[in-house]
Amino acid sequence: MELGSRIAEVRKSRGMTQEQLADRLGVSFQAVSTWERGENLPDTGHLAALAKALNLSLDSLFADDIHRDWTLESPNFDAGRMYTYVKSKAQAEGLRQTLAALPLMREKHTGQVRKGMVDTVPYATHPLTTACHALAMGLVDDDVLAALLLHDIVEDTGTRPEELPVSDRVRNAVSLVSYNTYEGKKADIKPAYYANILKDPLAALVKCIDRCNNLSCMADGFTRKRMAEYVVETERYILPMIKTIKSVPEWNSAAWLLKYQMTALLETFKRLV
């Protein structure tokens, strides 16, 4: 694949116009247009900035067809379909808390988008994906699903834990995974934050499923530096939570799957970042 075609393909997959890419690089959109048509090549001084703007390494910017016979797709699934699936499952199983959490989650996260994503992704996609992940692992558990659906609602919407229409166990787990229930700067409270989650099986389960989804999406919006930091943080703080999850016998299979999923993603990113 010629460089111009590569630039055009990745730019479009990122949801950027030629003007937006040009603004990031400090060049005219006509310059970007000539690159993509193959009439000119970017100056060598623009290549590093171009790769960064497209969230690619320089190597992958120049990848040829033998290495890349695919198109870039969004790693996110349709929020509406996931909502319907979780609701149907909750109705069939009589999961009262999950049925109460679903509309509250959708209401509170309305208008919010996932931070760091290249494309605009409704925030509700994230908690819904974590709930579907739990169901796919056989965790048809009202506390688990409600906690996953609400796990960001305190931190990101200003909702107080006592306002949540769930049990004390779920409120506690949501509070533990919400940074704003702790006092101090995020960097300073991080050790205590993770230490507290490590003591609570439900909070640990929520955090591990949450991290799986974040790891699976980070190539779509994280900088390479942020990816590297996230890998280190996951190994240091998240993987030890698997032992806490396994303290609940009926979660042992889920614990194995979560460890496998996170470890596979971490090892892949360590080889690529």
Protein backbone atom coordinates (compact mmCIF):
# COMPACT_ATOMS: atom_id res chain seq x y z
CA MET A 1 0.00 0.00 0.00
CA GLU A 2 1.37 3.42 -0.94
CA LEU A 3 1.93 5.91 1.89
CA GLY A 4 -0.76 8.28 0.60
CA SER A 5 -3.40 5.57 0.55
CA ARG A 6 -2.30 4.47 4.02
CA ILE A 7 -2.70 8.01 5.39
CA ALA A 8 -6.16 8.33 3.86
CA GLU A 9 -7.33 4.94 5.14
CA VAL A 10 -6.23 5.52 8.72
CA ARG A 11 -7.44 9.14 8.80
CA LYS A 12 -10.93 8.06 7.72
CA SER A 13 -10.96 5.18 10.22
CA ARG A 14 -10.18 7.71 12.95
CA GLY A 15 -13.12 9.87 11.89
CA MET A 16 -10.88 12.82 10.91
CA THR A 17 -11.28 15.16 7.96
CA GLN A 18 -8.31 16.31 5.94
CA GLU A 19 -8.71 19.72 7.58
CA GLN A 20 -8.57 18.25 11.08
CA LEU A 21 -5.44 16.25 10.32
CA ALA A 22 -3.85 19.31 8.71
CA ASP A 23 -4.60 21.40 11.83
CA ARG A 24 -2.85 18.84 14.04
CA LEU A 25 0.22 18.97 11.82
CA GLY A 26 0.29 22.71 11.17
CA VAL A 27 -0.02 22.30 7.40
CA SER A 28 -2.71 23.15 4.85
CA PHE A 29 -5.44 20.67 4.04
CA GLN A 30 -4.26 20.94 0.42
CA ALA A 31 -0.94 19.45 1.54
CA VAL A 32 -2.73 16.50 3.16
CA SER A 33 -4.81 16.08 0.00
CA THR A 34 -1.72 15.89 -2.21
CA TRP A 35 -0.15 13.32 0.13
CA GLU A 36 -3.22 11.12 -0.03
CA ARG A 37 -3.40 11.37 -3.83
CA GLY A 38 0.26 10.37 -4.05
CA GLU A 39 1.28 13.63 -5.73
CA ASN A 40 3.68 14.57 -2.93
CA LEU A 41 5.19 12.92 0.13
CA PRO A 42 5.23 14.42 3.64
CA ASP A 43 8.49 16.08 4.60
CA THR A 44 10.59 13.89 6.88
CA GLY A 45 10.07 16.47 9.62
CA HIS A 46 6.32 15.77 9.53
CA LEU A 47 6.48 11.97 9.74
CA ALA A 48 6.74 11.63 13.53
CA ALA A 49 3.91 14.13 14.06
CA LEU A 50 1.83 12.42 11.37
CA ALA A 51 2.22 9.01 13.03
CA LYS A 52 1.30 10.52 16.40
CA ALA A 53 -1.76 12.31 14.99
CA LEU A 54 -2.96 9.00 13.50
CA ASN A 55 -2.03 7.12 16.72
CA LEU A 56 0.37 4.84 14.87
CA SER A 57 4.01 3.91 15.22
CA LEU A 58 6.28 4.97 12.37
CA ASP A 59 6.67 1.30 11.44
CA SER A 60 2.93 0.77 11.12
CA LEU A 61 2.56 4.02 9.18
CA PHE A 62 4.68 2.44 6.46
CA ALA A 63 3.17 -1.06 6.75
CA ASP A 64 2.63 -2.73 3.38
CA ASP A 65 -0.09 -5.03 2.10
CA ILE A 66 1.65 -8.24 3.08
CA HIS A 67 1.36 -7.21 6.73
CA ARG A 68 -2.03 -5.47 6.61
CA ASP A 69 -4.82 -7.09 4.67
CA TRP A 70 -7.62 -5.64 6.78
CA THR A 71 -9.63 -2.52 7.56
CA LEU A 72 -9.81 -0.80 10.93
CA GLU A 73 -13.11 -1.27 12.76
CA SER A 74 -14.40 0.11 16.05
CA PRO A 75 -13.78 -2.22 19.02
CA ASN A 76 -17.09 -1.09 20.53
CA PHE A 77 -20.45 -2.83 20.11
CA ASP A 78 -23.88 -1.23 19.69
CA ALA A 79 -25.09 0.23 23.00
CA GLY A 80 -28.78 -0.15 22.14
CA ARG A 81 -28.51 -3.86 21.43
CA MET A 82 -26.50 -4.49 24.57
CA TYR A 83 -29.05 -2.57 26.65
CA THR A 84 -31.86 -4.72 25.26
CA TYR A 85 -29.91 -7.91 25.86
CA VAL A 86 -29.08 -7.11 29.48
CA LYS A 87 -32.63 -5.95 30.17
CA SER A 88 -34.13 -9.11 28.66
CA LYS A 89 -31.81 -11.30 30.70
CA ALA A 90 -32.58 -9.38 33.88
CA GLN A 91 -36.32 -9.66 33.29
CA ALA A 92 -36.09 -13.38 32.64
CA GLU A 93 -34.04 -13.95 35.79
CA GLY A 94 -35.90 -11.48 38.02
CA LEU A 95 -32.83 -9.33 38.67
CA ARG A 96 -34.42 -6.37 40.45
CA GLN A 97 -31.28 -4.30 41.00
CA THR A 98 -30.10 -4.73 37.42
CA LEU A 99 -33.48 -3.58 36.10
CA ALA A 100 -33.28 -0.49 38.31
CA ALA A 101 -29.65 0.21 37.40
CA LEU A 102 -30.14 0.09 33.62
CA PRO A 103 -32.34 3.21 33.15
CA LEU A 104 -30.41 5.13 35.83
CA MET A 105 -27.11 4.36 34.11
CA ARG A 106 -28.47 5.45 30.74
CA GLU A 107 -29.96 8.64 32.18
CA LYS A 108 -26.87 9.69 34.12
CA HIS A 109 -24.40 8.98 31.30
CA THR A 110 -26.54 10.63 28.60
CA GLY A 111 -24.41 13.09 26.61
CA GLN A 112 -21.13 11.68 27.90
CA VAL A 113 -18.58 10.03 25.63
CA ARG A 114 -15.65 7.75 26.35
CA LYS A 115 -12.50 9.74 27.05
CA GLY A 116 -9.52 9.11 24.81
CA MET A 117 -11.45 7.35 22.05
CA VAL A 118 -10.60 8.43 18.51
CA ASP A 119 -14.25 8.23 17.47
CA THR A 120 -17.16 9.58 19.51
CA VAL A 121 -18.41 6.64 21.55
CA PRO A 122 -21.41 7.05 23.92
CA TYR A 123 -20.22 6.43 27.46
CA ALA A 124 -23.02 3.96 28.18
CA THR A 125 -21.28 1.58 25.79
CA HIS A 126 -18.65 0.92 28.45
CA PRO A 127 -20.78 -0.19 31.44
CA LEU A 128 -23.05 -2.14 29.10
CA THR A 129 -20.05 -3.97 27.64
CA THR A 130 -18.85 -4.91 31.13
CA ALA A 131 -22.30 -6.26 32.01
CA CYS A 132 -22.42 -8.31 28.79
CA HIS A 133 -18.91 -9.56 29.57
CA ALA A 134 -20.10 -10.82 32.95
CA LEU A 135 -23.11 -12.54 31.42
CA ALA A 136 -20.89 -14.18 28.80
CA MET A 137 -18.81 -15.65 31.65
CA GLY A 138 -21.95 -17.10 33.24
CA LEU A 139 -22.21 -14.48 36.02
CA VAL A 140 -25.98 -14.11 36.11
CA ASP A 141 -25.73 -12.33 39.46
CA ASP A 142 -27.84 -9.30 40.37
CA ASP A 143 -25.15 -7.70 42.55
CA VAL A 144 -22.46 -8.18 39.89
CA LEU A 145 -24.49 -6.80 37.00
CA ALA A 146 -25.84 -3.84 38.96
CA ALA A 147 -22.36 -2.94 40.22
CA LEU A 148 -20.93 -3.11 36.70
CA LEU A 149 -23.69 -0.97 35.23
CA LEU A 150 -23.21 1.65 37.94
CA HIS A 151 -19.44 1.41 38.48
CA ASP A 152 -18.66 4.85 36.97
CA ILE A 153 -21.83 6.67 37.93
CA VAL A 154 -20.51 8.10 41.22
CA GLU A 155 -17.17 9.18 39.78
CA ASP A 156 -18.44 10.59 36.49
CA THR A 157 -21.92 11.97 37.16
CA GLY A 158 -21.85 13.30 40.72
CA THR A 159 -24.42 10.78 41.92
CA ARG A 160 -24.00 9.87 45.60
CA PRO A 161 -23.69 6.20 46.57
CA GLU A 162 -26.70 6.46 48.88
CA GLU A 163 -28.86 7.47 45.89
CA LEU A 164 -28.26 4.19 44.08
CA PRO A 165 -31.27 1.80 44.06
CA VAL A 166 -29.17 -1.19 45.08
CA SER A 167 -28.00 -3.14 48.11
CA ASP A 168 -25.35 -1.93 50.54
CA ARG A 169 -22.94 -4.50 49.08
CA VAL A 170 -23.28 -2.97 45.62
CA ARG A 171 -23.08 0.60 46.92
CA ASN A 172 -19.89 -0.26 48.76
CA ALA A 173 -18.31 -1.82 45.66
CA VAL A 174 -19.23 1.19 43.52
CA SER A 175 -17.79 3.53 46.16
CA LEU A 176 -14.54 1.56 46.33
CA VAL A 177 -13.95 1.79 42.56
CA SER A 178 -14.80 5.53 42.45
CA TYR A 179 -11.78 7.78 42.91
CA ASN A 180 -13.87 10.74 44.05
CA THR A 181 -14.94 8.94 47.23
CA TYR A 182 -11.32 9.29 48.39
CA GLU A 183 -9.66 12.53 49.46
CA GLY A 184 -6.54 13.78 47.71
CA LYS A 185 -5.01 13.82 44.26
CA LYS A 186 -5.48 10.72 42.14
CA ALA A 187 -1.76 9.94 41.99
CA ASP A 188 -1.45 10.20 45.77
CA ILE A 189 -4.45 8.06 46.66
CA LYS A 190 -3.86 5.35 44.03
CA PRO A 191 -2.10 2.87 46.39
CA ALA A 192 -4.88 3.12 48.98
CA TYR A 193 -7.53 3.00 46.26
CA TYR A 194 -6.25 -0.28 44.89
CA ALA A 195 -5.52 -1.73 48.33
CA ASN A 196 -9.15 -1.19 49.37
CA ILE A 197 -10.50 -2.79 46.21
CA LEU A 198 -8.20 -5.77 46.77
CA LYS A 199 -10.03 -6.51 50.04
CA ASP A 200 -13.51 -6.67 48.50
CA PRO A 201 -14.35 -9.52 46.08
CA LEU A 202 -17.21 -7.71 44.32
CA ALA A 203 -15.19 -4.52 43.85
CA ALA A 204 -12.23 -6.59 42.60
CA LEU A 205 -14.43 -8.39 40.09
CA VAL A 206 -15.88 -5.11 38.84
CA LYS A 207 -12.43 -3.56 38.50
CA CYS A 208 -11.01 -6.53 36.59
CA ILE A 209 -13.91 -6.66 34.11
CA ASP A 210 -13.68 -2.87 33.74
CA ARG A 211 -9.94 -3.15 33.05
CA CYS A 212 -10.48 -5.87 30.43
CA ASN A 213 -12.72 -3.54 28.44
CA ASN A 214 -10.33 -0.61 28.80
CA LEU A 215 -7.36 -2.73 27.68
CA SER A 216 -9.26 -4.01 24.66
CA CYS A 217 -10.06 -0.45 23.53
CA MET A 218 -6.87 1.42 24.40
CA ALA A 219 -5.26 0.98 20.96
CA ASP A 220 -8.15 3.04 19.58
CA GLY A 221 -7.41 6.15 21.62
CA PHE A 222 -4.44 5.91 24.00
CA THR A 223 -1.08 7.41 23.18
CA ARG A 224 1.81 4.97 23.17
CA LYS A 225 3.06 6.49 26.43
CA ARG A 226 -0.34 6.03 28.07
CA MET A 227 -0.52 2.44 26.83
CA ALA A 228 2.84 1.68 28.44
CA GLU A 229 1.74 3.26 31.73
CA TYR A 230 -1.51 1.30 31.65
CA VAL A 231 0.33 -1.99 31.14
CA VAL A 232 2.52 -1.33 34.19
CA GLU A 233 -0.47 -0.25 36.33
CA THR A 234 -2.46 -3.33 35.34
CA GLU A 235 0.34 -5.72 36.24
CA ARG A 236 1.05 -3.98 39.53
CA TYR A 237 -2.45 -3.41 40.83
CA ILE A 238 -5.10 -5.28 38.82
CA LEU A 239 -3.76 -8.78 38.27
CA PRO A 240 -3.34 -9.37 42.05
CA MET A 241 -7.12 -8.94 42.34
CA ILE A 242 -7.63 -12.30 40.65
CA LYS A 243 -6.78 -14.02 43.96
CA THR A 244 -9.49 -11.98 45.71
CA ILE A 245 -12.05 -12.94 43.07
CA LYS A 246 -11.18 -16.62 43.50
CA SER A 247 -12.13 -16.38 47.17
CA VAL A 248 -15.72 -16.67 45.90
CA PRO A 249 -15.91 -20.29 44.66
CA GLU A 250 -18.62 -19.67 42.07
CA TRP A 251 -16.40 -17.00 40.44
CA ASN A 252 -13.39 -19.26 39.90
CA SER A 253 -14.05 -19.84 36.19
CA ALA A 254 -14.53 -16.11 35.62
CA ALA A 255 -11.29 -15.43 37.49
CA TRP A 256 -9.38 -17.76 35.15
CA LEU A 257 -10.88 -16.12 32.07
CA LEU A 258 -10.17 -12.62 33.33
CA LYS A 259 -6.55 -13.48 34.11
CA TYR A 260 -6.13 -15.04 30.68
CA GLN A 261 -7.74 -12.10 28.88
CA MET A 262 -5.72 -9.45 30.69
CA THR A 263 -2.43 -11.34 30.48
CA ALA A 264 -2.86 -11.98 26.76
CA LEU A 265 -3.60 -8.31 26.10
CA LEU A 266 -0.73 -7.12 28.29
CA GLU A 267 1.81 -9.40 26.62
CA THR A 268 0.62 -8.33 23.17
CA PHE A 269 0.93 -4.64 23.99
CA LYS A 270 4.35 -5.10 25.63
CA ARG A 271 5.60 -6.51 22.34
CA LEU A 272 4.09 -3.73 20.23
CA VAL A 273 4.34 -0.51 22.25
